[in-house]
């Protein structure tokens, strides 16, 4: 089964405009993401952007980049514009602001999408604690079934710990996705769902329409670059790695 890893990379971030081209250790963030993704077993790696500046930057370091429409409402729509023209069975959506992405995580997603029966989608969660993420709406939480299928995603602290209840780990959602080509085609054709509109989490559209999302649990901790402060943290992390 052929796999394409596609990296949506917009310049128009609300909290950190131009972040995908921000310098991290002498390279733009998108280059870090591309290089890490290229080290996975994906057959093809493509950066999808609505910015000529991003396209030129990717081509300058030898990456493959394709121009997409500036009117896409989500990264999923952006990657489908590229994926719909490819001959591939599995599509990995790798966020363009994850410079420390582990290639092995991408490999695990590819493996799970090749199982029989294959899920519609797969994603990644990281075990966390109530103290770390419960009150942070920018860290989506996931409730996972016994067979590692996502039951629900929320910005609220789920599962809720009632007085007298037994606490359990919270799972933080890490926004990398794998789709079958048919599932991504279906997903982007669906209207924004009521739960999605409420929580502002597009993966709820899939669950609300009966799509199955398998979950991979990992202890790997990523640093997503959402703000200039995150970039400072990433620079420090890079120094620690060296």
Protein backbone atom coordinates (compact mmCIF):
# COMPACT_ATOMS: atom_id res chain seq x y z
CA UNK A 1 0.00 0.00 0.00
CA UNK A 2 1.42 3.35 -1.04
CA UNK A 3 1.67 6.08 1.59
CA UNK A 4 1.90 9.85 1.16
CA UNK A 5 2.82 12.09 4.10
CA UNK A 6 1.55 15.61 3.50
CA UNK A 7 2.56 18.61 5.61
CA UNK A 8 0.07 21.52 5.54
CA UNK A 9 2.04 24.72 6.06
CA UNK A 10 0.17 28.03 6.21
CA UNK A 11 1.77 31.42 6.78
CA UNK A 12 -1.39 32.90 8.30
CA UNK A 13 -1.24 31.61 11.87
CA UNK A 14 -3.29 33.78 14.23
CA UNK A 15 -1.00 33.48 17.27
CA UNK A 16 2.30 33.29 15.37
CA UNK A 17 2.13 34.54 11.76
CA UNK A 18 4.77 32.99 9.53
CA UNK A 19 5.75 30.41 12.14
CA UNK A 20 6.48 27.63 9.61
CA UNK A 21 9.39 29.72 8.29
CA UNK A 22 10.60 30.85 11.73
CA UNK A 23 14.26 30.02 12.34
CA UNK A 24 14.99 27.11 14.67
CA UNK A 25 18.63 26.13 15.03
CA UNK A 26 19.53 27.66 11.67
CA UNK A 27 16.68 26.08 9.68
CA UNK A 28 13.02 27.01 9.10
CA UNK A 29 10.60 24.98 11.19
CA UNK A 30 9.03 23.43 8.09
CA UNK A 31 12.43 22.03 7.10
CA UNK A 32 12.73 20.25 10.45
CA UNK A 33 9.28 18.74 9.91
CA UNK A 34 10.06 17.69 6.34
CA UNK A 35 13.36 16.08 7.30
CA UNK A 36 11.82 14.15 10.20
CA UNK A 37 8.93 13.01 8.03
CA UNK A 38 11.30 12.04 5.22
CA UNK A 39 13.08 9.71 7.67
CA UNK A 40 9.86 7.69 8.06
CA UNK A 41 8.80 4.90 5.73
CA UNK A 42 6.27 7.07 3.90
CA UNK A 43 6.70 6.64 0.15
CA UNK A 44 6.26 10.33 -0.60
CA UNK A 45 6.54 13.55 1.43
CA UNK A 46 4.94 16.77 0.22
CA UNK A 47 4.53 20.21 1.80
CA UNK A 48 1.14 21.76 0.94
CA UNK A 49 0.96 25.54 1.26
CA UNK A 50 -0.98 28.56 0.08
CA UNK A 51 2.17 30.72 0.22
CA UNK A 52 4.71 31.24 -2.56
CA UNK A 53 7.22 32.11 0.15
CA UNK A 54 6.81 28.70 1.78
CA UNK A 55 6.97 26.93 -1.58
CA UNK A 56 10.26 28.68 -2.42
CA UNK A 57 11.72 27.92 1.02
CA UNK A 58 10.88 24.22 0.72
CA UNK A 59 12.27 23.98 -2.78
CA UNK A 60 15.45 25.74 -1.59
CA UNK A 61 16.25 22.93 0.85
CA UNK A 62 15.36 20.27 -1.73
CA UNK A 63 11.85 19.43 -0.54
CA UNK A 64 8.75 18.74 -2.60
CA UNK A 65 6.09 21.45 -2.24
CA UNK A 66 2.75 22.06 -3.93
CA UNK A 67 0.66 25.21 -4.02
CA UNK A 68 -2.89 24.90 -2.69
CA UNK A 69 -5.93 27.15 -2.49
CA UNK A 70 -5.91 29.88 0.20
CA UNK A 71 -9.59 29.19 0.91
CA UNK A 72 -9.41 25.85 2.70
CA UNK A 73 -11.19 25.83 6.08
CA UNK A 74 -8.84 23.20 7.55
CA UNK A 75 -5.57 21.37 7.09
CA UNK A 76 -7.53 18.25 6.10
CA UNK A 77 -9.03 20.07 3.14
CA UNK A 78 -5.59 21.35 2.18
CA UNK A 79 -4.00 17.91 2.19
CA UNK A 80 -6.91 16.41 0.24
CA UNK A 81 -6.33 18.91 -2.57
CA UNK A 82 -2.86 17.37 -2.94
CA UNK A 83 -3.73 13.76 -2.07
CA UNK A 84 -6.65 13.59 -4.49
CA UNK A 85 -4.18 13.89 -7.36
CA UNK A 86 -1.90 11.12 -6.07
CA UNK A 87 -1.99 7.36 -6.46
CA UNK A 88 -1.88 6.48 -2.76
CA UNK A 89 -3.81 4.34 -0.30
CA UNK A 90 -2.81 5.94 3.01
CA UNK A 91 -2.42 9.65 3.74
CA UNK A 92 -0.60 11.01 6.79
CA UNK A 93 -1.36 14.56 7.90
CA UNK A 94 1.82 15.82 9.61
CA UNK A 95 1.46 19.23 11.24
CA UNK A 96 3.86 21.84 9.83
CA UNK A 97 4.69 23.19 13.30
CA UNK A 98 6.02 19.94 14.86
CA UNK A 99 9.80 20.15 14.36
CA UNK A 100 10.59 17.24 16.68
CA UNK A 101 8.21 14.76 15.11
CA UNK A 102 9.42 11.17 15.62
CA UNK A 103 9.63 9.21 12.33
CA UNK A 104 8.75 6.06 14.29
CA UNK A 105 5.37 7.56 15.21
CA UNK A 106 4.60 8.04 11.52
CA UNK A 107 5.70 4.45 10.90
CA UNK A 108 3.32 3.22 13.61
CA UNK A 109 0.43 5.09 12.00
CA UNK A 110 1.25 3.54 8.63
CA UNK A 111 1.36 0.08 10.23
CA UNK A 112 -2.01 0.45 11.93
CA UNK A 113 -3.62 1.64 8.68
CA UNK A 114 -2.40 -1.56 7.00
CA UNK A 115 -4.15 -3.82 9.48
CA UNK A 116 -7.16 -5.95 8.52
CA UNK A 117 -9.74 -4.63 8.92
CA UNK A 118 -8.24 -1.17 8.51
CA UNK A 119 -9.71 1.77 10.44
CA UNK A 120 -10.94 4.89 8.68
CA UNK A 121 -8.42 6.99 10.56
CA UNK A 122 -5.68 6.76 13.18
CA UNK A 123 -4.14 9.31 15.49
CA UNK A 124 -1.79 9.62 18.48
CA UNK A 125 -2.33 10.27 22.18
CA UNK A 126 0.09 10.86 25.05
CA UNK A 127 -0.70 9.80 28.65
CA UNK A 128 -0.87 12.87 30.88
CA UNK A 129 -2.26 13.95 34.23
CA UNK A 130 -5.19 16.00 35.39
CA UNK A 131 -2.78 18.54 36.89
CA UNK A 132 -0.95 19.00 33.58
CA UNK A 133 -3.76 19.43 31.06
CA UNK A 134 -7.22 19.35 32.66
CA UNK A 135 -7.68 23.11 32.71
CA UNK A 136 -5.92 23.86 29.42
CA UNK A 137 -8.47 24.10 26.57
CA UNK A 138 -5.61 24.26 24.05
CA UNK A 139 -4.71 20.65 24.93
CA UNK A 140 -7.53 18.46 23.59
CA UNK A 141 -8.24 15.35 25.65
CA UNK A 142 -9.34 11.94 24.39
CA UNK A 143 -11.33 9.14 25.96
CA UNK A 144 -10.14 5.80 24.58
CA UNK A 145 -11.95 2.46 24.50
CA UNK A 146 -10.50 -0.90 25.58
CA UNK A 147 -9.62 -1.69 21.96
CA UNK A 148 -7.81 1.66 21.50
CA UNK A 149 -10.55 3.40 19.56
CA UNK A 150 -11.29 7.07 20.21
CA UNK A 151 -14.64 7.51 21.95
CA UNK A 152 -14.61 11.30 22.24
CA UNK A 153 -12.32 14.32 22.00
CA UNK A 154 -12.87 17.44 24.09
CA UNK A 155 -11.23 20.63 25.28
CA UNK A 156 -12.78 19.88 28.68
CA UNK A 157 -11.18 17.57 31.26
CA UNK A 158 -12.56 14.19 30.24
CA UNK A 159 -13.27 11.84 31.85
CA UNK A 160 -14.72 14.04 34.59
CA UNK A 161 -13.60 13.04 38.08
CA UNK A 162 -16.64 13.01 40.33
CA UNK A 163 -16.27 13.28 44.08
CA UNK A 164 -15.63 9.77 45.36
CA UNK A 165 -14.69 8.54 41.90
CA UNK A 166 -11.49 6.72 40.96
CA UNK A 167 -9.10 8.86 38.96
CA UNK A 168 -7.40 7.64 35.80
CA UNK A 169 -4.83 9.03 33.34
CA UNK A 170 -5.93 11.71 30.93
CA UNK A 171 -4.86 11.32 27.32
CA UNK A 172 -3.63 14.37 25.48
CA UNK A 173 -4.34 14.35 21.77
CA UNK A 174 -1.39 14.89 19.46
CA UNK A 175 -2.76 16.21 16.19
CA UNK A 176 -1.17 13.93 13.62
CA UNK A 177 -3.63 11.85 11.58
CA UNK A 178 -3.57 8.94 9.18
CA UNK A 179 -6.48 8.37 6.79
CA UNK A 180 -7.37 5.87 4.16
CA UNK A 181 -7.80 7.72 0.89
CA UNK A 182 -11.52 6.87 0.85
CA UNK A 183 -11.98 8.09 4.45
CA UNK A 184 -10.29 11.44 3.79
CA UNK A 185 -12.39 11.93 0.67
CA UNK A 186 -15.53 11.26 2.72
CA UNK A 187 -14.39 13.43 5.63
CA UNK A 188 -13.79 16.59 3.60
CA UNK A 189 -17.14 16.12 1.80
CA UNK A 190 -19.07 16.17 5.08
CA UNK A 191 -20.46 19.45 6.45
CA UNK A 192 -19.10 20.85 9.70
CA UNK A 193 -20.87 18.88 12.43
CA UNK A 194 -22.68 20.21 15.52
CA UNK A 195 -20.06 18.85 17.95
CA UNK A 196 -17.27 20.20 15.77
CA UNK A 197 -18.88 23.64 15.77
CA UNK A 198 -19.25 23.48 19.55
CA UNK A 199 -15.75 22.29 20.53
CA UNK A 200 -13.87 23.57 17.45
CA UNK A 201 -12.26 20.14 16.96
CA UNK A 202 -12.62 18.82 13.43
CA UNK A 203 -12.02 15.19 14.41
CA UNK A 204 -15.45 15.22 16.07
CA UNK A 205 -16.94 15.45 12.56
CA UNK A 206 -15.52 11.99 11.87
CA UNK A 207 -16.87 10.46 15.09
CA UNK A 208 -20.27 12.10 14.65
CA UNK A 209 -20.55 10.49 11.23
CA UNK A 210 -19.66 6.99 12.39
CA UNK A 211 -16.03 6.92 11.30
CA UNK A 212 -13.64 4.81 13.36
CA UNK A 213 -10.47 6.45 14.70
CA UNK A 214 -7.83 4.08 16.09
CA UNK A 215 -5.44 5.46 18.69
CA UNK A 216 -1.72 4.90 19.17
CA UNK A 217 -0.41 5.60 22.67
CA UNK A 218 3.09 7.00 22.95
CA UNK A 219 5.18 8.56 25.70
CA UNK A 220 7.06 10.71 23.20
CA UNK A 221 6.67 14.38 24.09
CA UNK A 222 6.54 16.80 21.19
CA UNK A 223 6.87 20.58 21.19
CA UNK A 224 4.38 22.14 18.80
CA UNK A 225 5.18 25.73 17.82
CA UNK A 226 2.01 27.75 18.35
CA UNK A 227 3.50 30.94 19.81
CA UNK A 228 6.85 32.81 19.89
CA UNK A 229 7.25 31.49 23.45
CA UNK A 230 7.01 27.93 22.12
CA UNK A 231 9.87 28.71 19.73
CA UNK A 232 12.05 29.77 22.68
CA UNK A 233 11.21 26.49 24.41
CA UNK A 234 12.05 24.58 21.22
CA UNK A 235 15.43 26.31 20.95
CA UNK A 236 16.22 25.25 24.51
CA UNK A 237 15.10 21.70 23.75
CA UNK A 238 17.39 21.65 20.74
CA UNK A 239 20.34 22.77 22.87
CA UNK A 240 19.57 20.02 25.38
CA UNK A 241 19.51 17.42 22.60
CA UNK A 242 22.93 18.56 21.41
